[in-house]
Each structure stands twice: as structure tokens, then as C-alpha cells.
């Protein structure tokens, strides 16, 4: 499971806009939004994880905690819809 709230906090802390992060990571914005709002394919694939991790300067521990989270409460993004 993806810890979307933590991922979005990392994005916010980076100071970059999501569109810039997606461009640098090689991910289409609509795919990023689908993945973070529980769309068709909620889980990121390996290439997307690698791209995001590189752009956001995530270490291995953070990658595991964000993209392979064990216990994640309901994401706040879903509640906002």
C-alpha cells in the first residue's frame, strides 16, 4: 500500500510543483493523480517509484515506508473528494 499522505508531504516539502516532479520523474500527471487518489492502478510501478525517489531525493528507508507501507489509515485525499 502507498502512504499517500506522506508522499504528498514529501512533495510539498520539496518546494516543487507536482507537474515539475512528474516531468522530471517521467510520469504523466494524470497517472500520478490516479495513483494518489486511488484510481484504477493505485500502486506505483517500479519505474515510477525510481523516478519519484530520484527527483524527491528519497533514501531507501523512506522509499519502503512510502511505497510499501504496511498500515496506512484512510488517505486524506480520498476524504476530500
Protein backbone atom coordinates (compact mmCIF):
# COMPACT_ATOMS: atom_id res chain seq x y z
CA UNK A 1 0.00 0.00 0.00
CA UNK A 2 1.15 3.55 -0.67
CA UNK A 3 1.24 6.09 2.16
CA UNK A 4 -0.19 8.88 0.01
CA UNK A 5 -0.32 11.40 2.84
CA UNK A 6 3.41 11.00 3.49
CA UNK A 7 4.21 11.11 -0.23
CA UNK A 8 2.27 14.34 -0.62
CA UNK A 9 4.07 15.82 2.40
CA UNK A 10 7.41 14.96 0.78
CA UNK A 11 6.21 16.59 -2.44
CA UNK A 12 5.17 19.70 -0.50
CA UNK A 13 8.48 19.82 1.38
CA UNK A 14 10.40 19.60 -1.90
CA UNK A 15 9.11 23.02 -2.92
CA UNK A 16 8.40 21.77 -6.44
CA UNK A 17 5.03 21.64 -8.12
CA UNK A 18 3.58 18.24 -8.95
CA UNK A 19 3.76 18.93 -12.69
CA UNK A 20 7.53 19.60 -12.43
CA UNK A 21 8.07 16.48 -10.34
CA UNK A 22 6.13 14.36 -12.82
CA UNK A 23 8.06 15.79 -15.78
CA UNK A 24 11.42 15.09 -14.12
CA UNK A 25 10.33 11.63 -12.95
CA UNK A 26 8.93 10.67 -16.35
CA UNK A 27 5.37 10.17 -15.10
CA UNK A 28 2.27 11.65 -16.70
CA UNK A 29 0.40 13.93 -14.32
CA UNK A 30 -2.86 12.08 -14.78
CA UNK A 31 -1.14 8.81 -13.84
CA UNK A 32 0.29 10.43 -10.70
CA UNK A 33 -3.14 11.75 -9.73
CA UNK A 34 -4.77 8.38 -10.41
CA UNK A 35 -2.19 6.64 -8.24
CA UNK A 36 -2.58 9.10 -5.37
CA UNK A 37 -6.37 9.23 -5.36
CA UNK A 38 -6.99 5.50 -5.55
CA UNK A 39 -7.76 5.35 -9.24
CA UNK A 40 -7.57 2.28 -11.46
CA UNK A 41 -4.00 1.41 -10.60
CA UNK A 42 -3.41 2.54 -7.05
CA UNK A 43 0.13 1.11 -6.76
CA UNK A 44 3.08 2.78 -8.45
CA UNK A 45 5.19 0.58 -10.72
CA UNK A 46 8.95 0.17 -10.24
CA UNK A 47 9.89 2.76 -12.86
CA UNK A 48 7.58 5.35 -11.32
CA UNK A 49 8.96 4.68 -7.84
CA UNK A 50 12.54 5.01 -9.10
CA UNK A 51 11.75 8.29 -10.86
CA UNK A 52 9.94 9.81 -7.91
CA UNK A 53 12.59 8.67 -5.45
CA UNK A 54 15.34 10.26 -7.53
CA UNK A 55 13.53 13.56 -8.06
CA UNK A 56 12.44 13.80 -4.41
CA UNK A 57 15.82 12.64 -3.03
CA UNK A 58 14.25 9.79 -1.07
CA UNK A 59 16.51 7.34 0.74
CA UNK A 60 15.83 3.59 0.79
CA UNK A 61 14.08 3.68 4.16
CA UNK A 62 11.74 6.43 3.02
CA UNK A 63 11.00 4.57 -0.23
CA UNK A 64 9.99 1.48 1.73
CA UNK A 65 7.90 3.46 4.21
CA UNK A 66 6.06 5.40 1.49
CA UNK A 67 5.58 2.92 -1.36
CA UNK A 68 5.42 -0.33 0.62
CA UNK A 69 3.61 0.82 3.76
CA UNK A 70 2.08 -1.86 5.93
CA UNK A 71 -0.50 0.01 7.98
CA UNK A 72 -1.91 3.09 6.31
CA UNK A 73 -5.02 4.82 7.55
CA UNK A 74 -7.55 6.04 5.04
CA UNK A 75 -5.87 8.67 2.90
CA UNK A 76 -6.94 12.25 3.47
CA UNK A 77 -7.08 12.85 -0.28
CA UNK A 78 -9.93 10.36 -0.61
CA UNK A 79 -11.86 12.11 2.13
CA UNK A 80 -11.63 15.46 0.30
CA UNK A 81 -13.40 14.20 -2.83
